[in-house]
Amino acid sequence: MAESFTTEVKNEIAHSGNKNPCCAAAEIAGFVRACGAVTLAGKAGPGVKLATGNAAVARRYKSLIESEYGVRVKLMVGESAAVRRSRVYELSAPPGPRTDALLASTGVMKLSGGVREMRLGIGESIVKRKCCRKACLKGMFLGAGEVNDPDKGYNLEIVFASETTAVAARRIINGFTDIHARVRPRRGDYVVYLKDAEQIKDVLTIIGAYAQLLRFENVRMVKEMKGRANRVSNCDAANMEKALGAAERQLAAIREIELRDGLDSLPDELVDTALTRIFHPDASLAEIGQLLNPQIGKAAVSARFKRIAAHAGPLSGIAGRSET
């Protein structure tokens, strides 16, 4: 089965690196906030559990946490309880000083004088630098992000269990130029989302999904070209319908004059125009003008049909309309 666009994006950025060492803590902080939970083990202190449905993402954070904090991370593979029973990769870090350091440096916990205080949101000190904000956003997306296949529509979202964290995530995302994410509640969670194609493209750029960005942009361009072609086609169809309607009204006015007074009652130039319409019922005003001798322009033809409509009397209000 073909992989989803979200999976393709996550697979790509799961294999990317961080240019600056300061970004590792920011990225882990984003990942922990998006898909992590703190476990309590009595006096031993808190542990950490992280869950993801993506194997590449699980390997990334096992390696990153172990290299940054020296914590031995256990990786277990389970099965989702969802309708589509899929694999779940669970990372767990046991209680201990190194896990305390992990939680403290990512802003999940404040450790002071042996007292542990759990915190929500994302600490400002973690995302002071722009590169760290990018890394944090990458971690949040890898943890709980989804992005629609551009063929099916435009939607990017990251789901959080805490409203405080969702609002903090929105603030980070909206700190980048021309991005305006929103937050909405959904079944007990809080969703940070974007529905604008340009803004989604910007986020894909920020998190480093360059290959999938090209795919996204190609699909978007094709959709826009098809949409433009459809609009032109619809416009042409509407103009054709309008033109045919105008021709029918002109013919009705001509028939009314013929039955009542005869076409000879009209000036010669109007007789020529009326006869040309009778012999060419589908012709446009411009084409009628080309068929006349001498030839005249579209505006002059329209003016003649208005005069014919006036001669028709009661039909003039209708027959006077013409296509543009």
C-alpha atoms as a PDB file:
ATOM      1  CA  MET A   1       0.000   0.000   0.000  1.00  0.00           C
ATOM      2  CA  ALA A   2       1.295   3.455  -0.879  1.00  0.00           C
ATOM      3  CA  GLU A   3       2.501   5.512   2.051  1.00  0.00           C
ATOM      4  CA  SER A   4       0.558   8.602   3.063  1.00  0.00           C
ATOM      5  CA  PHE A   5       1.910  12.068   2.396  1.00  0.00           C
ATOM      6  CA  THR A   6       2.339  12.552   6.155  1.00  0.00           C
ATOM      7  CA  THR A   7       4.464   9.394   6.349  1.00  0.00           C
ATOM      8  CA  GLU A   8       6.586  10.553   3.415  1.00  0.00           C
ATOM      9  CA  VAL A   9       7.168  13.923   5.088  1.00  0.00           C
ATOM     10  CA  LYS A  10       8.051  12.336   8.415  1.00  0.00           C
ATOM     11  CA  ASN A  11      10.363   9.788   6.810  1.00  0.00           C
ATOM     12  CA  GLU A  12      12.221  12.562   5.047  1.00  0.00           C
ATOM     13  CA  ILE A  13      12.754  14.847   8.026  1.00  0.00           C
ATOM     14  CA  ALA A  14      13.418  11.916  10.396  1.00  0.00           C
ATOM     15  CA  HIS A  15      16.652  11.373   8.492  1.00  0.00           C
ATOM     16  CA  SER A  16      17.679  15.039   8.509  1.00  0.00           C
ATOM     17  CA  GLY A  17      20.143  16.544  10.952  1.00  0.00           C
ATOM     18  CA  ASN A  18      20.303  19.670  13.110  1.00  0.00           C
ATOM     19  CA  LYS A  19      22.893  22.213  12.023  1.00  0.00           C
ATOM     20  CA  ASN A  20      23.405  23.631  15.522  1.00  0.00           C
ATOM     21  CA  PRO A  21      23.934  21.676  18.765  1.00  0.00           C
ATOM     22  CA  CYS A  22      21.518  23.997  20.581  1.00  0.00           C
ATOM     23  CA  CYS A  23      18.676  22.696  18.452  1.00  0.00           C
ATOM     24  CA  ALA A  24      18.694  19.141  19.812  1.00  0.00           C
ATOM     25  CA  ALA A  25      17.043  20.088  23.112  1.00  0.00           C
ATOM     26  CA  ALA A  26      14.485  22.254  21.295  1.00  0.00           C
ATOM     27  CA  GLU A  27      13.590  19.448  18.912  1.00  0.00           C
ATOM     28  CA  ILE A  28      13.293  16.881  21.707  1.00  0.00           C
ATOM     29  CA  ALA A  29      11.185  19.374  23.668  1.00  0.00           C
ATOM     30  CA  GLY A  30       8.781  19.691  20.746  1.00  0.00           C
ATOM     31  CA  PHE A  31       8.589  15.918  20.337  1.00  0.00           C
ATOM     32  CA  VAL A  32       8.020  15.276  24.054  1.00  0.00           C
ATOM     33  CA  ARG A  33       5.285  17.927  24.237  1.00  0.00           C
ATOM     34  CA  ALA A  34       3.532  16.456  21.206  1.00  0.00           C
ATOM     35  CA  CYS A  35       3.558  12.751  21.984  1.00  0.00           C
ATOM     36  CA  GLY A  36       5.127  12.249  25.397  1.00  0.00           C
ATOM     37  CA  ALA A  37       3.928  11.503  28.895  1.00  0.00           C
ATOM     38  CA  VAL A  38       5.676  11.697  32.230  1.00  0.00           C
ATOM     39  CA  THR A  39       5.415   8.565  34.339  1.00  0.00           C
ATOM     40  CA  LEU A  40       5.770   8.645  38.123  1.00  0.00           C
ATOM     41  CA  ALA A  41       7.729   5.982  39.972  1.00  0.00           C
ATOM     42  CA  GLY A  42       7.586   7.107  43.587  1.00  0.00           C
ATOM     43  CA  LYS A  43      10.843   8.289  45.112  1.00  0.00           C
ATOM     44  CA  ALA A  44      12.752   7.214  42.021  1.00  0.00           C
ATOM     45  CA  GLY A  45      11.341  10.252  40.219  1.00  0.00           C
ATOM     46  CA  PRO A  46       9.662  10.672  36.856  1.00  0.00           C
ATOM     47  CA  GLY A  47      10.244   8.593  33.771  1.00  0.00           C
ATOM     48  CA  VAL A  48       9.267   9.410  30.207  1.00  0.00           C
ATOM     49  CA  LYS A  49       7.171   7.555  27.643  1.00  0.00           C
ATOM     50  CA  LEU A  50       6.949   8.560  24.007  1.00  0.00           C
ATOM     51  CA  ALA A  51       4.780   6.931  21.338  1.00  0.00           C
ATOM     52  CA  THR A  52       4.846   7.198  17.547  1.00  0.00           C
ATOM     53  CA  GLY A  53       3.498   5.219  14.626  1.00  0.00           C
ATOM     54  CA  ASN A  54       6.581   5.856  12.512  1.00  0.00           C
ATOM     55  CA  ALA A  55       9.615   3.579  12.805  1.00  0.00           C
ATOM     56  CA  ALA A  56      12.048   6.157  11.403  1.00  0.00           C
ATOM     57  CA  VAL A  57      10.843   8.728  13.935  1.00  0.00           C
ATOM     58  CA  ALA A  58      11.224   6.236  16.793  1.00  0.00           C
ATOM     59  CA  ARG A  59      14.798   5.429  15.772  1.00  0.00           C
ATOM     60  CA  ARG A  60      15.613   9.139  15.466  1.00  0.00           C
ATOM     61  CA  TYR A  61      14.575  10.026  18.998  1.00  0.00           C
ATOM     62  CA  LYS A  62      16.017   6.907  20.584  1.00  0.00           C
ATOM     63  CA  SER A  63      19.379   7.852  19.096  1.00  0.00           C
ATOM     64  CA  LEU A  64      19.010  11.595  19.764  1.00  0.00           C
ATOM     65  CA  ILE A  65      17.985  11.248  23.419  1.00  0.00           C
ATOM     66  CA  GLU A  66      20.665   8.682  24.138  1.00  0.00           C
ATOM     67  CA  SER A  67      23.402  10.766  22.525  1.00  0.00           C
ATOM     68  CA  GLU A  68      22.321  14.070  24.099  1.00  0.00           C
ATOM     69  CA  TYR A  69      21.490  12.907  27.626  1.00  0.00           C
ATOM     70  CA  GLY A  70      23.130   9.514  28.026  1.00  0.00           C
ATOM     71  CA  VAL A  71      19.748   8.017  28.877  1.00  0.00           C
ATOM     72  CA  ARG A  72      19.251   4.400  27.904  1.00  0.00           C
ATOM     73  CA  VAL A  73      15.992   4.451  25.935  1.00  0.00           C
ATOM     74  CA  LYS A  74      13.990   1.254  25.625  1.00  0.00           C
ATOM     75  CA  LEU A  75      12.131   0.700  22.342  1.00  0.00           C
ATOM     76  CA  MET A  76       9.085  -1.564  22.239  1.00  0.00           C
ATOM     77  CA  VAL A  77       6.761  -2.325  19.334  1.00  0.00           C
ATOM     78  CA  GLY A  78       3.052  -2.702  20.003  1.00  0.00           C
ATOM     79  CA  GLU A  79      -0.234  -2.534  18.132  1.00  0.00           C
ATOM     80  CA  SER A  80      -2.656   0.360  17.948  1.00  0.00           C
ATOM     81  CA  ALA A  81      -6.152  -0.154  19.320  1.00  0.00           C
ATOM     82  CA  ALA A  82      -7.573   1.873  16.427  1.00  0.00           C
ATOM     83  CA  VAL A  83      -9.738   0.370  13.696  1.00  0.00           C
ATOM     84  CA  ARG A  84      -6.748   0.170  11.385  1.00  0.00           C
ATOM     85  CA  ARG A  85      -4.572  -1.870  13.667  1.00  0.00           C
ATOM     86  CA  SER A  86      -1.107  -0.494  12.999  1.00  0.00           C
ATOM     87  CA  ARG A  87       2.201  -0.634  14.775  1.00  0.00           C
ATOM     88  CA  VAL A  88       3.044   1.705  17.615  1.00  0.00           C
ATOM     89  CA  TYR A  89       6.630   2.337  18.634  1.00  0.00           C
ATOM     90  CA  GLU A  90       6.998   3.174  22.308  1.00  0.00           C
ATOM     91  CA  LEU A  91      10.126   4.772  23.709  1.00  0.00           C
ATOM     92  CA  SER A  92      10.644   4.781  27.461  1.00  0.00           C
ATOM     93  CA  ALA A  93      13.327   6.409  29.600  1.00  0.00           C
ATOM     94  CA  PRO A  94      13.561   5.186  33.216  1.00  0.00           C
ATOM     95  CA  PRO A  95      13.639   7.520  36.237  1.00  0.00           C
ATOM     96  CA  GLY A  96      17.027   8.842  37.216  1.00  0.00           C
ATOM     97  CA  PRO A  97      19.279  11.901  37.181  1.00  0.00           C
ATOM     98  CA  ARG A  98      19.780  11.768  33.419  1.00  0.00           C
ATOM     99  CA  THR A  99      16.058  11.631  32.768  1.00  0.00           C
ATOM    100  CA  ASP A 100      15.661  14.530  35.206  1.00  0.00           C
ATOM    101  CA  ALA A 101      18.193  16.442  33.089  1.00  0.00           C
ATOM    102  CA  LEU A 102      16.228  15.572  29.944  1.00  0.00           C
ATOM    103  CA  LEU A 103      12.974  16.844  31.418  1.00  0.00           C
ATOM    104  CA  ALA A 104      14.600  19.976  32.820  1.00  0.00           C
ATOM    105  CA  SER A 105      16.434  20.981  29.650  1.00  0.00           C
ATOM    106  CA  THR A 106      13.298  20.513  27.535  1.00  0.00           C
ATOM    107  CA  GLY A 107      11.222  22.643  29.921  1.00  0.00           C
ATOM    108  CA  VAL A 108       8.881  19.831  30.971  1.00  0.00           C
ATOM    109  CA  MET A 109      10.104  20.013  34.545  1.00  0.00           C
ATOM    110  CA  LYS A 110      11.726  22.612  36.771  1.00  0.00           C
ATOM    111  CA  LEU A 111      14.246  21.102  39.139  1.00  0.00           C
ATOM    112  CA  SER A 112      15.272  23.284  42.060  1.00  0.00           C
ATOM    113  CA  GLY A 113      16.805  22.154  45.338  1.00  0.00           C
ATOM    114  CA  GLY A 114      15.696  18.591  44.757  1.00  0.00           C
ATOM    115  CA  VAL A 115      12.087  19.717  44.192  1.00  0.00           C
ATOM    116  CA  ARG A 116      10.498  18.749  40.893  1.00  0.00           C
ATOM    117  CA  GLU A 117       7.800  20.970  39.390  1.00  0.00           C
ATOM    118  CA  MET A 118       6.068  19.852  36.188  1.00  0.00           C
ATOM    119  CA  ARG A 119       5.266  22.535  33.638  1.00  0.00           C
ATOM    120  CA  LEU A 120       3.056  22.920  30.601  1.00  0.00           C
ATOM    121  CA  GLY A 121       3.777  24.851  27.432  1.00  0.00           C
ATOM    122  CA  ILE A 122       7.169  25.412  25.864  1.00  0.00           C
ATOM    123  CA  GLY A 123       9.724  27.477  27.741  1.00  0.00           C
ATOM    124  CA  GLU A 124      10.839  30.686  26.058  1.00  0.00           C
ATOM    125  CA  SER A 125      14.471  29.929  26.877  1.00  0.00           C
ATOM    126  CA  ILE A 126      14.297  26.779  24.719  1.00  0.00           C
ATOM    127  CA  VAL A 127      13.204  28.614  21.581  1.00  0.00           C
ATOM    128  CA  LYS A 128      15.093  31.906  21.842  1.00  0.00           C
ATOM    129  CA  ARG A 129      16.941  31.372  18.571  1.00  0.00           C
ATOM    130  CA  LYS A 130      15.227  31.001  15.202  1.00  0.00           C
ATOM    131  CA  CYS A 131      17.058  27.750  14.482  1.00  0.00           C
ATOM    132  CA  CYS A 132      15.720  26.330  17.753  1.00  0.00           C
ATOM    133  CA  ARG A 133      12.165  27.389  16.909  1.00  0.00           C
ATOM    134  CA  LYS A 134      12.506  25.512  13.623  1.00  0.00           C
ATOM    135  CA  ALA A 135      13.841  22.452  15.435  1.00  0.00           C
ATOM    136  CA  CYS A 136      11.038  22.588  17.995  1.00  0.00           C
ATOM    137  CA  LEU A 137       8.440  22.770  15.222  1.00  0.00           C
ATOM    138  CA  LYS A 138      10.091  19.796  13.545  1.00  0.00           C
ATOM    139  CA  GLY A 139       9.859  17.816  16.789  1.00  0.00           C
ATOM    140  CA  MET A 140       6.206  18.738  17.287  1.00  0.00           C
ATOM    141  CA  PHE A 141       5.306  17.708  13.752  1.00  0.00           C
ATOM    142  CA  LEU A 142       7.189  14.416  14.017  1.00  0.00           C
ATOM    143  CA  GLY A 143       5.408  13.759  17.290  1.00  0.00           C
ATOM    144  CA  ALA A 144       1.782  14.528  16.423  1.00  0.00           C
ATOM    145  CA  GLY A 145       1.624  16.195  13.032  1.00  0.00           C
ATOM    146  CA  GLU A 146      -0.478  15.364   9.993  1.00  0.00           C
ATOM    147  CA  VAL A 147      -0.558  16.938   6.534  1.00  0.00           C
ATOM    148  CA  ASN A 148      -3.032  16.106   3.791  1.00  0.00           C
ATOM    149  CA  ASP A 149      -1.941  14.783   0.452  1.00  0.00           C
ATOM    150  CA  PRO A 150      -2.206  17.943  -1.688  1.00  0.00           C
ATOM    151  CA  ASP A 151      -4.332  16.004  -4.196  1.00  0.00           C
ATOM    152  CA  LYS A 152      -7.047  15.772  -1.538  1.00  0.00           C
ATOM    153  CA  GLY A 153      -6.949  19.265  -0.075  1.00  0.00           C
ATOM    154  CA  TYR A 154      -4.860  21.541   2.089  1.00  0.00           C
ATOM    155  CA  ASN A 155      -4.659  20.868   5.814  1.00  0.00           C
ATOM    156  CA  LEU A 156      -1.748  20.657   8.230  1.00  0.00           C
ATOM    157  CA  GLU A 157      -2.316  20.065  11.920  1.00  0.00           C
ATOM    158  CA  ILE A 158      -0.523  19.143  15.130  1.00  0.00           C
ATOM    159  CA  VAL A 159      -2.553  17.702  18.002  1.00  0.00           C
ATOM    160  CA  PHE A 160      -1.792  18.399  21.673  1.00  0.00           C
ATOM    161  CA  ALA A 161      -3.376  17.112  24.866  1.00  0.00           C
ATOM    162  CA  SER A 162      -2.893  20.489  26.593  1.00  0.00           C
ATOM    163  CA  GLU A 163      -4.428  23.782  25.529  1.00  0.00           C
ATOM    164  CA  THR A 164      -1.484  25.634  27.090  1.00  0.00           C
ATOM    165  CA  THR A 165       0.965  23.695  24.932  1.00  0.00           C
ATOM    166  CA  ALA A 166      -1.186  24.147  21.825  1.00  0.00           C
ATOM    167  CA  VAL A 167      -1.255  27.917  22.343  1.00  0.00           C
ATOM    168  CA  ALA A 168       2.528  27.921  22.871  1.00  0.00           C
ATOM    169  CA  ALA A 169       2.952  25.903  19.673  1.00  0.00           C
ATOM    170  CA  ARG A 170       0.756  28.338  17.769  1.00  0.00           C
ATOM    171  CA  ARG A 171       2.885  31.221  19.035  1.00  0.00           C
ATOM    172  CA  ILE A 172       6.041  29.505  17.770  1.00  0.00           C
ATOM    173  CA  ILE A 173       4.510  28.752  14.356  1.00  0.00           C
ATOM    174  CA  ASN A 174       3.087  32.245  13.971  1.00  0.00           C
ATOM    175  CA  GLY A 175       6.482  33.698  14.809  1.00  0.00           C
ATOM    176  CA  PHE A 176       7.513  32.850  11.260  1.00  0.00           C
ATOM    177  CA  THR A 177       6.616  35.405   8.585  1.00  0.00           C
ATOM    178  CA  ASP A 178       3.184  35.124   6.929  1.00  0.00           C
ATOM    179  CA  ILE A 179       2.042  32.053   8.871  1.00  0.00           C
ATOM    180  CA  HIS A 180      -1.197  32.325  10.836  1.00  0.00           C
ATOM    181  CA  ALA A 181      -2.046  29.062  12.599  1.00  0.00           C
ATOM    182  CA  ARG A 182      -5.190  28.645  14.687  1.00  0.00           C
ATOM    183  CA  VAL A 183      -6.193  26.433  17.604  1.00  0.00           C
ATOM    184  CA  ARG A 184      -9.446  24.520  17.979  1.00  0.00           C
ATOM    185  CA  PRO A 185     -10.621  21.893  20.483  1.00  0.00           C
ATOM    186  CA  ARG A 186     -11.385  18.400  19.170  1.00  0.00           C
ATOM    187  CA  ARG A 187     -12.531  15.438  21.259  1.00  0.00           C
ATOM    188  CA  GLY A 188     -10.654  16.544  24.350  1.00  0.00           C
ATOM    189  CA  ASP A 189      -7.485  17.541  22.500  1.00  0.00           C
ATOM    190  CA  TYR A 190      -6.331  20.837  21.014  1.00  0.00           C
ATOM    191  CA  VAL A 191      -5.432  21.100  17.338  1.00  0.00           C
ATOM    192  CA  VAL A 192      -3.077  23.684  15.882  1.00  0.00           C
ATOM    193  CA  TYR A 193      -3.912  23.868  12.185  1.00  0.00           C
ATOM    194  CA  LEU A 194      -3.328  25.570   8.844  1.00  0.00           C
ATOM    195  CA  LYS A 195      -5.484  25.354   5.714  1.00  0.00           C
ATOM    196  CA  ASP A 196      -3.705  27.787   3.420  1.00  0.00           C
ATOM    197  CA  ALA A 197      -1.519  26.128   0.766  1.00  0.00           C
ATOM    198  CA  GLU A 198       1.166  28.836   0.857  1.00  0.00           C
ATOM    199  CA  GLN A 199       1.452  28.661   4.643  1.00  0.00           C
ATOM    200  CA  ILE A 200       1.618  24.859   4.607  1.00  0.00           C
ATOM    201  CA  LYS A 201       4.367  25.122   2.003  1.00  0.00           C
ATOM    202  CA  ASP A 202       6.236  27.490   4.352  1.00  0.00           C
ATOM    203  CA  VAL A 203       5.981  25.003   7.231  1.00  0.00           C
ATOM    204  CA  LEU A 204       7.286  22.162   5.046  1.00  0.00           C
ATOM    205  CA  THR A 205      10.236  24.401   4.213  1.00  0.00           C
ATOM    206  CA  ILE A 206      10.866  25.253   7.873  1.00  0.00           C
ATOM    207  CA  ILE A 207      10.908  21.625   9.011  1.00  0.00           C
ATOM    208  CA  GLY A 208      13.167  20.601   6.127  1.00  0.00           C
ATOM    209  CA  ALA A 209      10.808  18.442   4.029  1.00  0.00           C
ATOM    210  CA  TYR A 210      12.293  19.703   0.780  1.00  0.00           C
ATOM    211  CA  ALA A 211      11.585  16.679  -1.428  1.00  0.00           C
ATOM    212  CA  GLN A 212       7.944  16.530  -0.343  1.00  0.00           C
ATOM    213  CA  LEU A 213       7.738  20.309  -0.708  1.00  0.00           C
ATOM    214  CA  LEU A 214       8.535  19.902  -4.415  1.00  0.00           C
ATOM    215  CA  ARG A 215       5.849  17.257  -4.733  1.00  0.00           C
ATOM    216  CA  PHE A 216       3.381  19.488  -2.874  1.00  0.00           C
ATOM    217  CA  GLU A 217       4.173  22.453  -5.110  1.00  0.00           C
ATOM    218  CA  ASN A 218       3.903  20.399  -8.325  1.00  0.00           C
ATOM    219  CA  VAL A 219       0.484  19.070  -7.335  1.00  0.00           C
ATOM    220  CA  ARG A 220      -0.651  22.537  -6.284  1.00  0.00           C
ATOM    221  CA  MET A 221       0.431  24.054  -9.598  1.00  0.00           C
ATOM    222  CA  VAL A 222      -1.356  21.357 -11.613  1.00  0.00           C
ATOM    223  CA  LYS A 223      -4.528  21.863  -9.540  1.00  0.00           C
ATOM    224  CA  GLU A 224      -4.377  25.625 -10.065  1.00  0.00           C
ATOM    225  CA  MET A 225      -3.861  25.200 -13.825  1.00  0.00           C
ATOM    226  CA  LYS A 226      -6.821  22.808 -14.040  1.00  0.00           C
ATOM    227  CA  GLY A 227      -8.927  25.179 -11.968  1.00  0.00           C
ATOM    228  CA  ARG A 228      -7.995  28.087 -14.208  1.00  0.00           C
ATOM    229  CA  ALA A 229      -8.819  26.046 -17.318  1.00  0.00           C
ATOM    230  CA  ASN A 230     -12.180  25.069 -15.833  1.00  0.00           C
ATOM    231  CA  ARG A 231     -12.950  28.683 -14.997  1.00  0.00           C
ATOM    232  CA  VAL A 232     -12.108  29.749 -18.548  1.00  0.00           C
ATOM    233  CA  SER A 233     -14.203  26.887 -19.938  1.00  0.00           C
ATOM    234  CA  ASN A 234     -17.123  27.778 -17.693  1.00  0.00           C
ATOM    235  CA  CYS A 235     -16.792  31.420 -18.665  1.00  0.00           C
ATOM    236  CA  ASP A 236     -16.738  30.492 -22.362  1.00  0.00           C
ATOM    237  CA  ALA A 237     -19.809  28.301 -21.891  1.00  0.00           C
ATOM    238  CA  ALA A 238     -21.607  31.099 -20.060  1.00  0.00           C
ATOM    239  CA  ASN A 239     -20.707  33.598 -22.785  1.00  0.00           C
ATOM    240  CA  MET A 240     -21.892  31.180 -25.471  1.00  0.00           C
ATOM    241  CA  GLU A 241     -25.192  30.663 -23.662  1.00  0.00           C
ATOM    242  CA  LYS A 242     -25.592  34.412 -23.305  1.00  0.00           C
ATOM    243  CA  ALA A 243     -24.823  34.961 -26.994  1.00  0.00           C
ATOM    244  CA  LEU A 244     -27.304  32.315 -28.125  1.00  0.00           C
ATOM    245  CA  GLY A 245     -29.972  33.811 -25.875  1.00  0.00           C
ATOM    246  CA  ALA A 246     -29.356  37.238 -27.387  1.00  0.00           C
ATOM    247  CA  ALA A 247     -29.549  35.815 -30.926  1.00  0.00           C
ATOM    248  CA  GLU A 248     -32.902  34.187 -30.115  1.00  0.00           C
ATOM    249  CA  ARG A 249     -34.276  37.491 -28.850  1.00  0.00           C
ATOM    250  CA  GLN A 250     -33.019  39.263 -31.966  1.00  0.00           C
ATOM    251  CA  LEU A 251     -34.707  36.671 -34.199  1.00  0.00           C
ATOM    252  CA  ALA A 252     -37.948  37.033 -32.215  1.00  0.00           C
ATOM    253  CA  ALA A 253     -37.887  40.803 -32.780  1.00  0.00           C
ATOM    254  CA  ILE A 254     -37.205  40.295 -36.495  1.00  0.00           C
ATOM    255  CA  ARG A 255     -40.123  37.832 -36.798  1.00  0.00           C
ATOM    256  CA  GLU A 256     -42.423  40.292 -35.016  1.00  0.00           C
ATOM    257  CA  ILE A 257     -41.554  43.063 -37.485  1.00  0.00           C
ATOM    258  CA  GLU A 258     -41.918  40.711 -40.477  1.00  0.00           C
ATOM    259  CA  LEU A 259     -45.388  39.555 -39.363  1.00  0.00           C
ATOM    260  CA  ARG A 260     -46.649  43.012 -38.467  1.00  0.00           C
ATOM    261  CA  ASP A 261     -45.112  45.427 -40.961  1.00  0.00           C
ATOM    262  CA  GLY A 262     -42.684  43.447 -43.117  1.00  0.00           C
ATOM    263  CA  LEU A 263     -38.914  43.859 -43.112  1.00  0.00           C
ATOM    264  CA  ASP A 264     -39.206  46.413 -45.922  1.00  0.00           C
ATOM    265  CA  SER A 265     -40.480  48.833 -43.283  1.00  0.00           C
ATOM    266  CA  LEU A 266     -36.947  48.983 -41.874  1.00  0.00           C
ATOM    267  CA  PRO A 267     -34.075  51.135 -43.184  1.00  0.00           C
ATOM    268  CA  ASP A 268     -31.822  49.291 -45.648  1.00  0.00           C
ATOM    269  CA  GLU A 269     -28.926  48.818 -43.197  1.00  0.00           C
ATOM    270  CA  LEU A 270     -31.283  47.222 -40.645  1.00  0.00           C
ATOM    271  CA  VAL A 271     -32.773  44.937 -43.312  1.00  0.00           C
ATOM    272  CA  ASP A 272     -29.253  43.754 -44.204  1.00  0.00           C
ATOM    273  CA  THR A 273     -28.480  43.146 -40.540  1.00  0.00           C
ATOM    274  CA  ALA A 274     -31.786  41.323 -39.944  1.00  0.00           C
ATOM    275  CA  LEU A 275     -31.329  39.073 -42.996  1.00  0.00           C
ATOM    276  CA  THR A 276     -27.755  38.283 -41.959  1.00  0.00           C
ATOM    277  CA  ARG A 277     -29.008  37.206 -38.532  1.00  0.00           C
ATOM    278  CA  ILE A 278     -31.717  35.032 -40.130  1.00  0.00           C
ATOM    279  CA  PHE A 279     -29.170  33.238 -42.333  1.00  0.00           C
ATOM    280  CA  HIS A 280     -26.574  33.007 -39.533  1.00  0.00           C
ATOM    281  CA  PRO A 281     -28.533  32.392 -36.296  1.00  0.00           C
ATOM    282  CA  ASP A 282     -25.469  31.186 -34.347  1.00  0.00           C
ATOM    283  CA  ALA A 283     -23.102  33.967 -35.398  1.00  0.00           C
ATOM    284  CA  SER A 284     -21.700  36.373 -32.806  1.00  0.00           C
ATOM    285  CA  LEU A 285     -22.095  40.137 -33.141  1.00  0.00           C
ATOM    286  CA  ALA A 286     -18.504  40.413 -34.360  1.00  0.00           C
ATOM    287  CA  GLU A 287     -19.132  37.710 -36.983  1.00  0.00           C
ATOM    288  CA  ILE A 288     -22.352  39.430 -38.120  1.00  0.00           C
ATOM    289  CA  GLY A 289     -20.338  42.634 -38.606  1.00  0.00           C
ATOM    290  CA  GLN A 290     -17.775  40.776 -40.751  1.00  0.00           C
ATOM    291  CA  LEU A 291     -20.534  39.323 -42.950  1.00  0.00           C
ATOM    292  CA  LEU A 292     -22.092  42.700 -43.734  1.00  0.00           C
ATOM    293  CA  ASN A 293     -21.099  44.806 -46.722  1.00  0.00           C
ATOM    294  CA  PRO A 294     -19.561  47.155 -45.842  1.00  0.00           C
ATOM    295  CA  GLN A 295     -18.196  45.483 -42.716  1.00  0.00           C
ATOM    296  CA  ILE A 296     -18.860  47.140 -39.362  1.00  0.00           C
ATOM    297  CA  GLY A 297     -17.686  46.565 -35.811  1.00  0.00           C
ATOM    298  CA  LYS A 298     -19.335  44.680 -32.965  1.00  0.00           C
ATOM    299  CA  ALA A 299     -20.582  47.870 -31.257  1.00  0.00           C
ATOM    300  CA  ALA A 300     -22.218  49.083 -34.465  1.00  0.00           C
ATOM    301  CA  VAL A 301     -23.971  45.703 -34.925  1.00  0.00           C
ATOM    302  CA  SER A 302     -25.229  45.842 -31.345  1.00  0.00           C
ATOM    303  CA  ALA A 303     -26.591  49.345 -31.975  1.00  0.00           C
ATOM    304  CA  ARG A 304     -28.458  48.128 -35.077  1.00  0.00           C
ATOM    305  CA  PHE A 305     -30.103  45.287 -33.166  1.00  0.00           C
ATOM    306  CA  LYS A 306     -31.227  47.766 -30.520  1.00  0.00           C
ATOM    307  CA  ARG A 307     -32.894  49.799 -33.290  1.00  0.00           C
ATOM    308  CA  ILE A 308     -34.543  46.618 -34.617  1.00  0.00           C
ATOM    309  CA  ALA A 309     -35.754  45.855 -31.090  1.00  0.00           C
ATOM    310  CA  ALA A 310     -37.224  49.345 -30.845  1.00  0.00           C
ATOM    311  CA  HIS A 311     -39.147  48.745 -34.103  1.00  0.00           C
ATOM    312  CA  ALA A 312     -40.474  45.484 -32.668  1.00  0.00           C
ATOM    313  CA  GLY A 313     -42.313  47.491 -30.008  1.00  0.00           C
ATOM    314  CA  PRO A 314     -43.287  45.423 -26.934  1.00  0.00           C
ATOM    315  CA  LEU A 315     -40.306  43.118 -27.452  1.00  0.00           C
ATOM    316  CA  SER A 316     -37.801  45.947 -27.334  1.00  0.00           C
ATOM    317  CA  GLY A 317     -37.036  45.587 -23.651  1.00  0.00           C
ATOM    318  CA  ILE A 318     -35.984  41.991 -24.231  1.00  0.00           C
ATOM    319  CA  ALA A 319     -34.588  41.962 -27.736  1.00  0.00           C
ATOM    320  CA  GLY A 320     -32.402  44.959 -26.996  1.00  0.00           C
ATOM    321  CA  ARG A 321     -30.087  42.891 -24.771  1.00  0.00           C
ATOM    322  CA  SER A 322     -27.088  41.488 -26.556  1.00  0.00           C
ATOM    323  CA  GLU A 323     -24.054  39.428 -25.727  1.00  0.00           C
ATOM    324  CA  THR A 324     -20.908  41.142 -24.567  1.00  0.00           C
END
